[in-house]
């Protein structure tokens, strides 16, 4: 169930981008959320 945290992190990242697209987001908006290397 550890890889699920990566999915939740991705969803949270997308949600943050939708909440404030132009504001300084906590994560670097490179266009795509960083995929966990655990997969």
C-alpha atoms as a PDB file:
ATOM      1  CA  UNK A   1       0.000   0.000   0.000  1.00  0.00           C
ATOM      2  CA  UNK A   2       3.117   2.169  -0.081  1.00  0.00           C
ATOM      3  CA  UNK A   3       2.769   3.076  -3.755  1.00  0.00           C
ATOM      4  CA  UNK A   4      -0.685   4.478  -3.012  1.00  0.00           C
ATOM      5  CA  UNK A   5       1.004   7.362  -1.201  1.00  0.00           C
ATOM      6  CA  UNK A   6       2.599   8.331  -4.505  1.00  0.00           C
ATOM      7  CA  UNK A   7      -0.797   8.430  -6.187  1.00  0.00           C
ATOM      8  CA  UNK A   8      -2.223  10.521  -3.364  1.00  0.00           C
ATOM      9  CA  UNK A   9       0.755  12.845  -3.637  1.00  0.00           C
ATOM     10  CA  UNK A  10       0.130  13.201  -7.376  1.00  0.00           C
ATOM     11  CA  UNK A  11      -3.545  13.951  -6.825  1.00  0.00           C
ATOM     12  CA  UNK A  12      -2.647  16.485  -4.145  1.00  0.00           C
ATOM     13  CA  UNK A  13      -0.158  18.092  -6.504  1.00  0.00           C
ATOM     14  CA  UNK A  14      -2.787  18.387  -9.242  1.00  0.00           C
ATOM     15  CA  UNK A  15      -5.286  19.757  -6.734  1.00  0.00           C
ATOM     16  CA  UNK A  16      -2.759  22.355  -5.608  1.00  0.00           C
ATOM     17  CA  UNK A  17      -2.089  23.335  -9.210  1.00  0.00           C
ATOM     18  CA  UNK A  18      -5.833  23.722  -9.815  1.00  0.00           C
ATOM     19  CA  UNK A  19      -6.231  25.743  -6.627  1.00  0.00           C
ATOM     20  CA  UNK A  20      -3.481  28.215  -7.504  1.00  0.00           C
ATOM     21  CA  UNK A  21      -2.112  27.782 -11.036  1.00  0.00           C
ATOM     22  CA  UNK A  22      -0.127  31.015 -11.047  1.00  0.00           C
ATOM     23  CA  UNK A  23       0.707  31.197  -7.355  1.00  0.00           C
ATOM     24  CA  UNK A  24       3.963  29.769  -6.066  1.00  0.00           C
ATOM     25  CA  UNK A  25       3.147  26.111  -5.466  1.00  0.00           C
ATOM     26  CA  UNK A  26       5.009  24.104  -2.791  1.00  0.00           C
ATOM     27  CA  UNK A  27       6.207  21.727  -5.516  1.00  0.00           C
ATOM     28  CA  UNK A  28       8.076  22.702  -8.696  1.00  0.00           C
ATOM     29  CA  UNK A  29       5.516  22.946 -11.494  1.00  0.00           C
ATOM     30  CA  UNK A  30       7.496  21.273 -14.254  1.00  0.00           C
ATOM     31  CA  UNK A  31       4.273  20.485 -16.107  1.00  0.00           C
ATOM     32  CA  UNK A  32       4.044  16.945 -14.781  1.00  0.00           C
ATOM     33  CA  UNK A  33       4.137  15.724 -11.185  1.00  0.00           C
ATOM     34  CA  UNK A  34       7.314  13.796 -10.271  1.00  0.00           C
ATOM     35  CA  UNK A  35       6.545  10.097 -10.521  1.00  0.00           C
ATOM     36  CA  UNK A  36       7.819   7.938  -7.636  1.00  0.00           C
ATOM     37  CA  UNK A  37      10.739   5.718  -8.629  1.00  0.00           C
ATOM     38  CA  UNK A  38       9.204   2.946  -6.513  1.00  0.00           C
ATOM     39  CA  UNK A  39       6.934   1.891  -9.374  1.00  0.00           C
END
